[in-house]
Amino acid sequence: MATTVGQYCINVTDIERSEWFYTEIVGLKVQSRTQIPGVDEIVLAADVGGGRLQLAQHLERSGAIEHGTALWKIYMNVDDCQEVHDRAVAAGFTSTMAPARLDRWPVTVAFILDP
């Protein structure tokens, strides 16, 4: 069996807002929801495969999540980078980089702060 990355899990402060961002703005689909003592979780994925993104809200925690320096960026592949970027900005999310074609790699990228 080949080794692949299956899933990333990130902590969030508002699981409903994060779910809305990743489903309505990015276009992922909810694969499952889990509630374990003290934690609500949602697993999201694209219809076409690839890895999964898991959101976790620890119910006893409040305030902003400190991700430290271990996790820097999560890259999402989308059909139209400009359109997804524009939808995110129109919905009130913060853009840290407008869509731009990178000469070094054959991709167009944009960066939006996670909700």
PDB file of N, CA and C in Angstrom:
ATOM      1  N   MET A   1       0.846  -1.183   0.000  1.00  0.00           N
ATOM      2  CA  MET A   1       0.000   0.000   0.000  1.00  0.00           C
ATOM      3  C   MET A   1       0.889   1.244   0.000  1.00  0.00           C
ATOM      4  N   ALA A   2       0.531   2.216  -0.814  1.00  0.00           N
ATOM      5  CA  ALA A   2       1.269   3.479  -0.880  1.00  0.00           C
ATOM      6  C   ALA A   2       0.993   4.311   0.364  1.00  0.00           C
ATOM      7  N   THR A   3       1.965   5.089   0.766  1.00  0.00           N
ATOM      8  CA  THR A   3       1.795   5.992   1.896  1.00  0.00           C
ATOM      9  C   THR A   3       1.300   7.334   1.388  1.00  0.00           C
ATOM     10  N   THR A   4       0.225   7.828   1.959  1.00  0.00           N
ATOM     11  CA  THR A   4      -0.320   9.134   1.597  1.00  0.00           C
ATOM     12  C   THR A   4      -0.693   9.872   2.874  1.00  0.00           C
ATOM     13  N   VAL A   5      -0.854  11.173   2.760  1.00  0.00           N
ATOM     14  CA  VAL A   5      -1.352  11.957   3.885  1.00  0.00           C
ATOM     15  C   VAL A   5      -2.863  11.826   3.877  1.00  0.00           C
ATOM     16  N   GLY A   6      -3.431  11.372   4.975  1.00  0.00           N
ATOM     17  CA  GLY A   6      -4.861  11.136   5.017  1.00  0.00           C
ATOM     18  C   GLY A   6      -5.675  12.300   5.527  1.00  0.00           C
ATOM     19  N   GLN A   7      -5.195  12.965   6.574  1.00  0.00           N
ATOM     20  CA  GLN A   7      -6.038  13.970   7.205  1.00  0.00           C
ATOM     21  C   GLN A   7      -5.201  14.916   8.056  1.00  0.00           C
ATOM     22  N   TYR A   8      -5.588  16.181   8.060  1.00  0.00           N
ATOM     23  CA  TYR A   8      -5.037  17.189   8.964  1.00  0.00           C
ATOM     24  C   TYR A   8      -6.147  17.577   9.921  1.00  0.00           C
ATOM     25  N   CYS A   9      -5.818  17.786  11.174  1.00  0.00           N
ATOM     26  CA  CYS A   9      -6.805  18.232  12.153  1.00  0.00           C
ATOM     27  C   CYS A   9      -6.338  19.559  12.729  1.00  0.00           C
ATOM     28  N   ILE A  10      -7.227  20.556  12.693  1.00  0.00           N
ATOM     29  CA  ILE A  10      -6.896  21.855  13.267  1.00  0.00           C
ATOM     30  C   ILE A  10      -7.929  22.218  14.328  1.00  0.00           C
ATOM     31  N   ASN A  11      -7.459  22.860  15.379  1.00  0.00           N
ATOM     32  CA  ASN A  11      -8.356  23.367  16.412  1.00  0.00           C
ATOM     33  C   ASN A  11      -8.977  24.674  15.945  1.00  0.00           C
ATOM     34  N   VAL A  12     -10.255  24.849  16.249  1.00  0.00           N
ATOM     35  CA  VAL A  12     -10.975  26.071  15.892  1.00  0.00           C
ATOM     36  C   VAL A  12     -11.746  26.562  17.113  1.00  0.00           C
ATOM     37  N   THR A  13     -12.069  27.854  17.125  1.00  0.00           N
ATOM     38  CA  THR A  13     -12.845  28.406  18.237  1.00  0.00           C
ATOM     39  C   THR A  13     -14.342  28.405  17.961  1.00  0.00           C
ATOM     40  N   ASP A  14     -14.735  28.392  16.687  1.00  0.00           N
ATOM     41  CA  ASP A  14     -16.145  28.421  16.301  1.00  0.00           C
ATOM     42  C   ASP A  14     -16.324  27.410  15.175  1.00  0.00           C
ATOM     43  N   ILE A  15     -16.718  26.201  15.530  1.00  0.00           N
ATOM     44  CA  ILE A  15     -16.773  25.128  14.539  1.00  0.00           C
ATOM     45  C   ILE A  15     -17.819  25.394  13.459  1.00  0.00           C
ATOM     46  N   GLU A  16     -18.915  26.054  13.814  1.00  0.00           N
ATOM     47  CA  GLU A  16     -19.944  26.352  12.813  1.00  0.00           C
ATOM     48  C   GLU A  16     -19.431  27.359  11.783  1.00  0.00           C
ATOM     49  N   ARG A  17     -18.756  28.402  12.241  1.00  0.00           N
ATOM     50  CA  ARG A  17     -18.197  29.394  11.309  1.00  0.00           C
ATOM     51  C   ARG A  17     -17.107  28.764  10.447  1.00  0.00           C
ATOM     52  N   SER A  18     -16.264  27.938  11.034  1.00  0.00           N
ATOM     53  CA  SER A  18     -15.211  27.272  10.271  1.00  0.00           C
ATOM     54  C   SER A  18     -15.807  26.306   9.252  1.00  0.00           C
ATOM     55  N   GLU A  19     -16.839  25.561   9.656  1.00  0.00           N
ATOM     56  CA  GLU A  19     -17.513  24.669   8.706  1.00  0.00           C
ATOM     57  C   GLU A  19     -18.074  25.476   7.536  1.00  0.00           C
ATOM     58  N   TRP A  20     -18.730  26.591   7.827  1.00  0.00           N
ATOM     59  CA  TRP A  20     -19.300  27.426   6.771  1.00  0.00           C
ATOM     60  C   TRP A  20     -18.205  27.891   5.813  1.00  0.00           C
ATOM     61  N   PHE A  21     -17.074  28.358   6.342  1.00  0.00           N
ATOM     62  CA  PHE A  21     -15.963  28.815   5.508  1.00  0.00           C
ATOM     63  C   PHE A  21     -15.486  27.705   4.575  1.00  0.00           C
ATOM     64  N   TYR A  22     -15.216  26.536   5.125  1.00  0.00           N
ATOM     65  CA  TYR A  22     -14.646  25.458   4.310  1.00  0.00           C
ATOM     66  C   TYR A  22     -15.659  24.815   3.371  1.00  0.00           C
ATOM     67  N   THR A  23     -16.965  24.890   3.680  1.00  0.00           N
ATOM     68  CA  THR A  23     -17.956  24.335   2.759  1.00  0.00           C
ATOM     69  C   THR A  23     -18.446  25.378   1.758  1.00  0.00           C
ATOM     70  N   GLU A  24     -18.836  26.548   2.227  1.00  0.00           N
ATOM     71  CA  GLU A  24     -19.433  27.546   1.343  1.00  0.00           C
ATOM     72  C   GLU A  24     -18.408  28.375   0.572  1.00  0.00           C
ATOM     73  N   ILE A  25     -17.268  28.641   1.147  1.00  0.00           N
ATOM     74  CA  ILE A  25     -16.244  29.442   0.472  1.00  0.00           C
ATOM     75  C   ILE A  25     -15.288  28.544  -0.308  1.00  0.00           C
ATOM     76  N   VAL A  26     -14.726  27.544   0.346  1.00  0.00           N
ATOM     77  CA  VAL A  26     -13.728  26.680  -0.297  1.00  0.00           C
ATOM     78  C   VAL A  26     -14.378  25.593  -1.144  1.00  0.00           C
ATOM     79  N   GLY A  27     -15.532  25.071  -0.730  1.00  0.00           N
ATOM     80  CA  GLY A  27     -16.233  24.067  -1.521  1.00  0.00           C
ATOM     81  C   GLY A  27     -16.053  22.627  -1.061  1.00  0.00           C
ATOM     82  N   LEU A  28     -15.522  22.417   0.139  1.00  0.00           N
ATOM     83  CA  LEU A  28     -15.405  21.054   0.658  1.00  0.00           C
ATOM     84  C   LEU A  28     -16.772  20.561   1.116  1.00  0.00           C
ATOM     85  N   LYS A  29     -16.892  19.258   1.297  1.00  0.00           N
ATOM     86  CA  LYS A  29     -18.140  18.640   1.747  1.00  0.00           C
ATOM     87  C   LYS A  29     -17.904  17.989   3.110  1.00  0.00           C
ATOM     88  N   VAL A  30     -18.928  18.041   3.958  1.00  0.00           N
ATOM     89  CA  VAL A  30     -18.847  17.384   5.262  1.00  0.00           C
ATOM     90  C   VAL A  30     -18.909  15.875   5.044  1.00  0.00           C
ATOM     91  N   GLN A  31     -17.909  15.165   5.556  1.00  0.00           N
ATOM     92  CA  GLN A  31     -17.856  13.707   5.467  1.00  0.00           C
ATOM     93  C   GLN A  31     -18.409  13.050   6.727  1.00  0.00           C
ATOM     94  N   SER A  32     -18.131  13.659   7.880  1.00  0.00           N
ATOM     95  CA  SER A  32     -18.625  13.089   9.135  1.00  0.00           C
ATOM     96  C   SER A  32     -18.574  14.134  10.240  1.00  0.00           C
ATOM     97  N   ARG A  33     -19.354  13.861  11.268  1.00  0.00           N
ATOM     98  CA  ARG A  33     -19.370  14.683  12.480  1.00  0.00           C
ATOM     99  C   ARG A  33     -19.220  13.725  13.663  1.00  0.00           C
ATOM    100  N   THR A  34     -18.410  14.136  14.617  1.00  0.00           N
ATOM    101  CA  THR A  34     -18.175  13.299  15.791  1.00  0.00           C
ATOM    102  C   THR A  34     -18.218  14.171  17.031  1.00  0.00           C
ATOM    103  N   GLN A  35     -18.827  13.652  18.071  1.00  0.00           N
ATOM    104  CA  GLN A  35     -18.790  14.314  19.373  1.00  0.00           C
ATOM    105  C   GLN A  35     -18.197  13.328  20.362  1.00  0.00           C
ATOM    106  N   ILE A  36     -17.078  13.720  20.936  1.00  0.00           N
ATOM    107  CA  ILE A  36     -16.479  12.940  22.005  1.00  0.00           C
ATOM    108  C   ILE A  36     -16.487  13.836  23.231  1.00  0.00           C
ATOM    109  N   PRO A  37     -16.303  13.304  24.415  1.00  0.00           N
ATOM    110  CA  PRO A  37     -16.375  14.163  25.599  1.00  0.00           C
ATOM    111  C   PRO A  37     -15.472  15.393  25.485  1.00  0.00           C
ATOM    112  N   GLY A  38     -16.107  16.572  25.489  1.00  0.00           N
ATOM    113  CA  GLY A  38     -15.386  17.833  25.472  1.00  0.00           C
ATOM    114  C   GLY A  38     -14.947  18.343  24.120  1.00  0.00           C
ATOM    115  N   VAL A  39     -15.208  17.583  23.039  1.00  0.00           N
ATOM    116  CA  VAL A  39     -14.730  17.993  21.711  1.00  0.00           C
ATOM    117  C   VAL A  39     -15.786  17.690  20.651  1.00  0.00           C
ATOM    118  N   ASP A  40     -16.081  18.689  19.812  1.00  0.00           N
ATOM    119  CA  ASP A  40     -16.889  18.489  18.608  1.00  0.00           C
ATOM    120  C   ASP A  40     -15.941  18.464  17.423  1.00  0.00           C
ATOM    121  N   GLU A  41     -16.155  17.519  16.486  1.00  0.00           N
ATOM    122  CA  GLU A  41     -15.274  17.387  15.327  1.00  0.00           C
ATOM    123  C   GLU A  41     -16.087  17.262  14.050  1.00  0.00           C
ATOM    124  N   ILE A  42     -15.538  17.821  12.971  1.00  0.00           N
ATOM    125  CA  ILE A  42     -16.118  17.686  11.637  1.00  0.00           C
ATOM    126  C   ILE A  42     -14.981  17.326  10.692  1.00  0.00           C
ATOM    127  N   VAL A  43     -15.205  16.317   9.846  1.00  0.00           N
ATOM    128  CA  VAL A  43     -14.235  15.951   8.817  1.00  0.00           C
ATOM    129  C   VAL A  43     -14.789  16.413   7.477  1.00  0.00           C
ATOM    130  N   LEU A  44     -13.955  17.137   6.716  1.00  0.00           N
ATOM    131  CA  LEU A  44     -14.339  17.675   5.412  1.00  0.00           C
ATOM    132  C   LEU A  44     -13.413  17.117   4.336  1.00  0.00           C
ATOM    133  N   ALA A  45     -13.945  16.989   3.117  1.00  0.00           N
ATOM    134  CA  ALA A  45     -13.127  16.522   1.995  1.00  0.00           C
ATOM    135  C   ALA A  45     -13.758  16.991   0.697  1.00  0.00           C
ATOM    136  N   ALA A  46     -12.987  16.919  -0.368  1.00  0.00           N
ATOM    137  CA  ALA A  46     -13.492  17.231  -1.700  1.00  0.00           C
ATOM    138  C   ALA A  46     -14.139  15.984  -2.294  1.00  0.00           C
ATOM    139  N   ASP A  47     -15.016  16.176  -3.266  1.00  0.00           N
ATOM    140  CA  ASP A  47     -15.657  15.052  -3.945  1.00  0.00           C
ATOM    141  C   ASP A  47     -14.670  14.239  -4.778  1.00  0.00           C
ATOM    142  N   VAL A  48     -13.556  14.856  -5.170  1.00  0.00           N
ATOM    143  CA  VAL A  48     -12.637  14.220  -6.123  1.00  0.00           C
ATOM    144  C   VAL A  48     -11.446  13.537  -5.463  1.00  0.00           C
ATOM    145  N   GLY A  49     -11.432  13.428  -4.157  1.00  0.00           N
ATOM    146  CA  GLY A  49     -10.333  12.744  -3.489  1.00  0.00           C
ATOM    147  C   GLY A  49      -9.378  13.701  -2.822  1.00  0.00           C
ATOM    148  N   GLY A  50      -8.197  13.200  -2.520  1.00  0.00           N
ATOM    149  CA  GLY A  50      -7.209  13.988  -1.803  1.00  0.00           C
ATOM    150  C   GLY A  50      -7.337  13.765  -0.315  1.00  0.00           C
ATOM    151  N   GLY A  51      -6.597  14.516   0.465  1.00  0.00           N
ATOM    152  CA  GLY A  51      -6.640  14.392   1.916  1.00  0.00           C
ATOM    153  C   GLY A  51      -7.896  15.009   2.499  1.00  0.00           C
ATOM    154  N   ARG A  52      -8.064  14.810   3.778  1.00  0.00           N
ATOM    155  CA  ARG A  52      -9.216  15.360   4.487  1.00  0.00           C
ATOM    156  C   ARG A  52      -8.746  16.407   5.487  1.00  0.00           C
ATOM    157  N   LEU A  53      -9.654  17.319   5.820  1.00  0.00           N
ATOM    158  CA  LEU A  53      -9.403  18.339   6.828  1.00  0.00           C
ATOM    159  C   LEU A  53     -10.380  18.104   7.971  1.00  0.00           C
ATOM    160  N   GLN A  54      -9.859  17.968   9.171  1.00  0.00           N
ATOM    161  CA  GLN A  54     -10.694  17.782  10.345  1.00  0.00           C
ATOM    162  C   GLN A  54     -10.645  19.050  11.184  1.00  0.00           C
ATOM    163  N   LEU A  55     -11.816  19.518  11.591  1.00  0.00           N
ATOM    164  CA  LEU A  55     -11.940  20.669  12.477  1.00  0.00           C
ATOM    165  C   LEU A  55     -12.296  20.153  13.861  1.00  0.00           C
ATOM    166  N   ALA A  56     -11.662  20.687  14.884  1.00  0.00           N
ATOM    167  CA  ALA A  56     -11.951  20.257  16.254  1.00  0.00           C
ATOM    168  C   ALA A  56     -12.149  21.477  17.142  1.00  0.00           C
ATOM    169  N   GLN A  57     -13.276  21.501  17.852  1.00  0.00           N
ATOM    170  CA  GLN A  57     -13.527  22.564  18.824  1.00  0.00           C
ATOM    171  C   GLN A  57     -13.557  21.933  20.209  1.00  0.00           C
ATOM    172  N   HIS A  58     -12.581  22.304  21.043  1.00  0.00           N
ATOM    173  CA  HIS A  58     -12.527  21.841  22.427  1.00  0.00           C
ATOM    174  C   HIS A  58     -13.453  22.744  23.235  1.00  0.00           C
ATOM    175  N   LEU A  59     -14.518  22.172  23.735  1.00  0.00           N
ATOM    176  CA  LEU A  59     -15.607  22.950  24.316  1.00  0.00           C
ATOM    177  C   LEU A  59     -15.230  23.683  25.595  1.00  0.00           C
ATOM    178  N   GLU A  60     -14.222  23.212  26.321  1.00  0.00           N
ATOM    179  CA  GLU A  60     -13.842  23.886  27.566  1.00  0.00           C
ATOM    180  C   GLU A  60     -12.893  25.045  27.329  1.00  0.00           C
ATOM    181  N   ARG A  61     -12.391  25.189  26.124  1.00  0.00           N
ATOM    182  CA  ARG A  61     -11.457  26.277  25.810  1.00  0.00           C
ATOM    183  C   ARG A  61     -12.212  27.500  25.307  1.00  0.00           C
ATOM    184  N   SER A  62     -11.667  28.670  25.604  1.00  0.00           N
ATOM    185  CA  SER A  62     -12.237  29.906  25.067  1.00  0.00           C
ATOM    186  C   SER A  62     -11.098  30.795  24.604  1.00  0.00           C
ATOM    187  N   GLY A  63     -11.433  31.784  23.817  1.00  0.00           N
ATOM    188  CA  GLY A  63     -10.409  32.690  23.306  1.00  0.00           C
ATOM    189  C   GLY A  63      -9.762  32.155  22.041  1.00  0.00           C
ATOM    190  N   ALA A  64      -8.842  32.935  21.545  1.00  0.00           N
ATOM    191  CA  ALA A  64      -8.176  32.596  20.282  1.00  0.00           C
ATOM    192  C   ALA A  64      -7.329  31.333  20.428  1.00  0.00           C
ATOM    193  N   ILE A  65      -7.235  30.584  19.351  1.00  0.00           N
ATOM    194  CA  ILE A  65      -6.400  29.380  19.298  1.00  0.00           C
ATOM    195  C   ILE A  65      -4.964  29.800  19.036  1.00  0.00           C
ATOM    196  N   GLU A  66      -4.056  29.280  19.813  1.00  0.00           N
ATOM    197  CA  GLU A  66      -2.632  29.507  19.581  1.00  0.00           C
ATOM    198  C   GLU A  66      -2.078  28.295  18.846  1.00  0.00           C
ATOM    199  N   HIS A  67      -1.831  28.444  17.558  1.00  0.00           N
ATOM    200  CA  HIS A  67      -1.311  27.325  16.773  1.00  0.00           C
ATOM    201  C   HIS A  67       0.204  27.209  16.882  1.00  0.00           C
ATOM    202  N   GLY A  68       0.834  28.155  17.538  1.00  0.00           N
ATOM    203  CA  GLY A  68       2.282  28.092  17.653  1.00  0.00           C
ATOM    204  C   GLY A  68       2.940  28.268  16.296  1.00  0.00           C
ATOM    205  N   THR A  69       4.082  27.659  16.128  1.00  0.00           N
ATOM    206  CA  THR A  69       4.809  27.805  14.865  1.00  0.00           C
ATOM    207  C   THR A  69       4.856  26.515  14.061  1.00  0.00           C
ATOM    208  N   ALA A  70       4.205  25.453  14.520  1.00  0.00           N
ATOM    209  CA  ALA A  70       4.281  24.175  13.812  1.00  0.00           C
ATOM    210  C   ALA A  70       3.484  24.188  12.509  1.00  0.00           C
ATOM    211  N   LEU A  71       2.281  24.716  12.528  1.00  0.00           N
ATOM    212  CA  LEU A  71       1.433  24.743  11.341  1.00  0.00           C
ATOM    213  C   LEU A  71       1.498  26.130  10.727  1.00  0.00           C
ATOM    214  N   TRP A  72       1.910  26.206   9.487  1.00  0.00           N
ATOM    215  CA  TRP A  72       2.052  27.502   8.840  1.00  0.00           C
ATOM    216  C   TRP A  72       0.947  27.746   7.833  1.00  0.00           C
ATOM    217  N   LYS A  73       0.764  26.829   6.895  1.00  0.00           N
ATOM    218  CA  LYS A  73      -0.212  27.035   5.832  1.00  0.00           C
ATOM    219  C   LYS A  73      -0.915  25.720   5.526  1.00  0.00           C
ATOM    220  N   ILE A  74      -2.157  25.822   5.097  1.00  0.00           N
ATOM    221  CA  ILE A  74      -2.887  24.689   4.536  1.00  0.00           C
ATOM    222  C   ILE A  74      -3.242  25.087   3.112  1.00  0.00           C
ATOM    223  N   TYR A  75      -2.824  24.299   2.156  1.00  0.00           N
ATOM    224  CA  TYR A  75      -3.111  24.587   0.754  1.00  0.00           C
ATOM    225  C   TYR A  75      -4.343  23.809   0.319  1.00  0.00           C
ATOM    226  N   MET A  76      -5.285  24.505  -0.309  1.00  0.00           N
ATOM    227  CA  MET A  76      -6.491  23.889  -0.843  1.00  0.00           C
ATOM    228  C   MET A  76      -6.455  24.040  -2.364  1.00  0.00           C
ATOM    229  N   ASN A  77      -6.660  22.955  -3.089  1.00  0.00           N
ATOM    230  CA  ASN A  77      -6.737  23.023  -4.547  1.00  0.00           C
ATOM    231  C   ASN A  77      -8.168  23.347  -4.941  1.00  0.00           C
ATOM    232  N   VAL A  78      -8.356  24.393  -5.739  1.00  0.00           N
ATOM    233  CA  VAL A  78      -9.683  24.802  -6.202  1.00  0.00           C
ATOM    234  C   VAL A  78      -9.630  25.044  -7.704  1.00  0.00           C
ATOM    235  N   ASP A  79     -10.790  25.018  -8.348  1.00  0.00           N
ATOM    236  CA  ASP A  79     -10.845  25.234  -9.794  1.00  0.00           C
ATOM    237  C   ASP A  79     -10.556  26.674 -10.186  1.00  0.00           C
ATOM    238  N   ASP A  80     -10.999  27.635  -9.374  1.00  0.00           N
ATOM    239  CA  ASP A  80     -10.871  29.048  -9.729  1.00  0.00           C
ATOM    240  C   ASP A  80     -10.406  29.834  -8.504  1.00  0.00           C
ATOM    241  N   CYS A  81      -9.114  30.046  -8.400  1.00  0.00           N
ATOM    242  CA  CYS A  81      -8.515  30.716  -7.242  1.00  0.00           C
ATOM    243  C   CYS A  81      -9.089  32.120  -7.049  1.00  0.00           C
ATOM    244  N   GLN A  82      -9.209  32.873  -8.122  1.00  0.00           N
ATOM    245  CA  GLN A  82      -9.719  34.246  -8.028  1.00  0.00           C
ATOM    246  C   GLN A  82     -11.143  34.257  -7.491  1.00  0.00           C
ATOM    247  N   GLU A  83     -11.980  33.360  -7.984  1.00  0.00           N
ATOM    248  CA  GLU A  83     -13.379  33.325  -7.570  1.00  0.00           C
ATOM    249  C   GLU A  83     -13.500  32.959  -6.090  1.00  0.00           C
ATOM    250  N   VAL A  84     -12.742  31.969  -5.631  1.00  0.00           N
ATOM    251  CA  VAL A  84     -12.786  31.574  -4.220  1.00  0.00           C
ATOM    252  C   VAL A  84     -12.248  32.704  -3.342  1.00  0.00           C
ATOM    253  N   HIS A  85     -11.172  33.330  -3.764  1.00  0.00           N
ATOM    254  CA  HIS A  85     -10.606  34.468  -3.029  1.00  0.00           C
ATOM    255  C   HIS A  85     -11.641  35.588  -2.909  1.00  0.00           C
ATOM    256  N   ASP A  86     -12.285  35.935  -4.018  1.00  0.00           N
ATOM    257  CA  ASP A  86     -13.271  37.017  -4.013  1.00  0.00           C
ATOM    258  C   ASP A  86     -14.462  36.691  -3.116  1.00  0.00           C
ATOM    259  N   ARG A  87     -14.922  35.427  -3.132  1.00  0.00           N
ATOM    260  CA  ARG A  87     -16.029  35.025  -2.259  1.00  0.00           C
ATOM    261  C   ARG A  87     -15.635  35.145  -0.791  1.00  0.00           C
ATOM    262  N   ALA A  88     -14.411  34.739  -0.468  1.00  0.00           N
ATOM    263  CA  ALA A  88     -13.943  34.820   0.919  1.00  0.00           C
ATOM    264  C   ALA A  88     -13.880  36.270   1.394  1.00  0.00           C
ATOM    265  N   VAL A  89     -13.323  37.144   0.573  1.00  0.00           N
ATOM    266  CA  VAL A  89     -13.213  38.563   0.930  1.00  0.00           C
ATOM    267  C   VAL A  89     -14.605  39.182   1.051  1.00  0.00           C
ATOM    268  N   ALA A  90     -15.497  38.864   0.113  1.00  0.00           N
ATOM    269  CA  ALA A  90     -16.861  39.398   0.160  1.00  0.00           C
ATOM    270  C   ALA A  90     -17.603  38.928   1.410  1.00  0.00           C
ATOM    271  N   ALA A  91     -17.241  37.752   1.912  1.00  0.00           N
ATOM    272  CA  ALA A  91     -17.881  37.214   3.114  1.00  0.00           C
ATOM    273  C   ALA A  91     -17.242  37.744   4.397  1.00  0.00           C
ATOM    274  N   GLY A  92     -16.233  38.619   4.259  1.00  0.00           N
ATOM    275  CA  GLY A  92     -15.632  39.253   5.424  1.00  0.00           C
ATOM    276  C   GLY A  92     -14.351  38.624   5.934  1.00  0.00           C
ATOM    277  N   PHE A  93     -13.801  37.660   5.203  1.00  0.00           N
ATOM    278  CA  PHE A  93     -12.549  37.037   5.630  1.00  0.00           C
ATOM    279  C   PHE A  93     -11.371  37.879   5.153  1.00  0.00           C
ATOM    280  N   THR A  94     -10.252  37.780   5.843  1.00  0.00           N
ATOM    281  CA  THR A  94      -9.086  38.615   5.572  1.00  0.00           C
ATOM    282  C   THR A  94      -8.154  37.954   4.572  1.00  0.00           C
ATOM    283  N   SER A  95      -7.872  38.668   3.491  1.00  0.00           N
ATOM    284  CA  SER A  95      -6.902  38.207   2.499  1.00  0.00           C
ATOM    285  C   SER A  95      -5.521  38.714   2.900  1.00  0.00           C
ATOM    286  N   THR A  96      -4.543  37.821   2.894  1.00  0.00           N
ATOM    287  CA  THR A  96      -3.165  38.244   3.143  1.00  0.00           C
ATOM    288  C   THR A  96      -2.348  38.243   1.859  1.00  0.00           C
ATOM    289  N   MET A  97      -2.924  37.694   0.779  1.00  0.00           N
ATOM    290  CA  MET A  97      -2.283  37.738  -0.536  1.00  0.00           C
ATOM    291  C   MET A  97      -3.345  37.500  -1.596  1.00  0.00           C
ATOM    292  N   ALA A  98      -3.504  38.447  -2.504  1.00  0.00           N
ATOM    293  CA  ALA A  98      -4.440  38.294  -3.615  1.00  0.00           C
ATOM    294  C   ALA A  98      -3.908  37.218  -4.567  1.00  0.00           C
ATOM    295  N   PRO A  99      -4.784  36.619  -5.378  1.00  0.00           N
ATOM    296  CA  PRO A  99      -4.325  35.592  -6.306  1.00  0.00           C
ATOM    297  C   PRO A  99      -3.171  36.079  -7.181  1.00  0.00           C
ATOM    298  N   ALA A 100      -2.145  35.253  -7.265  1.00  0.00           N
ATOM    299  CA  ALA A 100      -0.967  35.576  -8.068  1.00  0.00           C
ATOM    300  C   ALA A 100      -0.386  34.289  -8.637  1.00  0.00           C
ATOM    301  N   ARG A 101       0.034  34.360  -9.873  1.00  0.00           N
ATOM    302  CA  ARG A 101       0.702  33.220 -10.518  1.00  0.00           C
ATOM    303  C   ARG A 101       2.145  33.192 -10.036  1.00  0.00           C
ATOM    304  N   LEU A 102       2.587  32.030  -9.562  1.00  0.00           N
ATOM    305  CA  LEU A 102       3.962  31.881  -9.102  1.00  0.00           C
ATOM    306  C   LEU A 102       4.823  31.366 -10.243  1.00  0.00           C
ATOM    307  N   ASP A 103       5.875  32.099 -10.581  1.00  0.00           N
ATOM    308  CA  ASP A 103       6.749  31.709 -11.679  1.00  0.00           C
ATOM    309  C   ASP A 103       7.499  30.415 -11.388  1.00  0.00           C
ATOM    310  N   ARG A 104       7.842  30.213 -10.134  1.00  0.00           N
ATOM    311  CA  ARG A 104       8.640  29.040  -9.778  1.00  0.00           C
ATOM    312  C   ARG A 104       7.847  27.736  -9.887  1.00  0.00           C
ATOM    313  N   TRP A 105       6.548  27.790  -9.601  1.00  0.00           N
ATOM    314  CA  TRP A 105       5.690  26.617  -9.692  1.00  0.00           C
ATOM    315  C   TRP A 105       4.528  26.951 -10.625  1.00  0.00           C
ATOM    316  N   PRO A 106       3.969  25.979 -11.299  1.00  0.00           N
ATOM    317  CA  PRO A 106       2.873  26.272 -12.233  1.00  0.00           C
ATOM    318  C   PRO A 106       1.520  26.362 -11.528  1.00  0.00           C
ATOM    319  N   VAL A 107       1.416  27.301 -10.580  1.00  0.00           N
ATOM    320  CA  VAL A 107       0.176  27.443  -9.821  1.00  0.00           C
ATOM    321  C   VAL A 107      -0.156  28.912  -9.600  1.00  0.00           C
ATOM    322  N   THR A 108      -1.416  29.159  -9.347  1.00  0.00           N
ATOM    323  CA  THR A 108      -1.873  30.462  -8.876  1.00  0.00           C
ATOM    324  C   THR A 108      -2.269  30.275  -7.421  1.00  0.00           C
ATOM    325  N   VAL A 109      -1.795  31.160  -6.549  1.00  0.00           N
ATOM    326  CA  VAL A 109      -2.101  31.035  -5.122  1.00  0.00           C
ATOM    327  C   VAL A 109      -2.669  32.335  -4.573  1.00  0.00           C
ATOM    328  N   ALA A 110      -3.429  32.196  -3.517  1.00  0.00           N
ATOM    329  CA  ALA A 110      -3.923  33.322  -2.727  1.00  0.00           C
ATOM    330  C   ALA A 110      -3.945  32.836  -1.287  1.00  0.00           C
ATOM    331  N   PHE A 111      -3.877  33.762  -0.342  1.00  0.00           N
ATOM    332  CA  PHE A 111      -3.918  33.374   1.059  1.00  0.00           C
ATOM    333  C   PHE A 111      -5.030  34.129   1.777  1.00  0.00           C
ATOM    334  N   ILE A 112      -5.838  33.370   2.520  1.00  0.00           N
ATOM    335  CA  ILE A 112      -6.938  33.889   3.328  1.00  0.00           C
ATOM    336  C   ILE A 112      -6.695  33.410   4.750  1.00  0.00           C
ATOM    337  N   LEU A 113      -6.848  34.291   5.733  1.00  0.00           N
ATOM    338  CA  LEU A 113      -6.711  33.862   7.122  1.00  0.00           C
ATOM    339  C   LEU A 113      -7.848  32.924   7.484  1.00  0.00           C
ATOM    340  N   ASP A 114      -7.519  31.842   8.163  1.00  0.00           N
ATOM    341  CA  ASP A 114      -8.512  30.880   8.621  1.00  0.00           C
ATOM    342  C   ASP A 114      -9.451  31.571   9.611  1.00  0.00           C
ATOM    343  N   PRO A 115     -10.755  31.230   9.553  1.00  0.00           N
ATOM    344  CA  PRO A 115     -11.687  31.883  10.475  1.00  0.00           C
ATOM    345  C   PRO A 115     -11.372  31.560  11.910  1.00  0.00           C
TER     346      PRO A 115
END
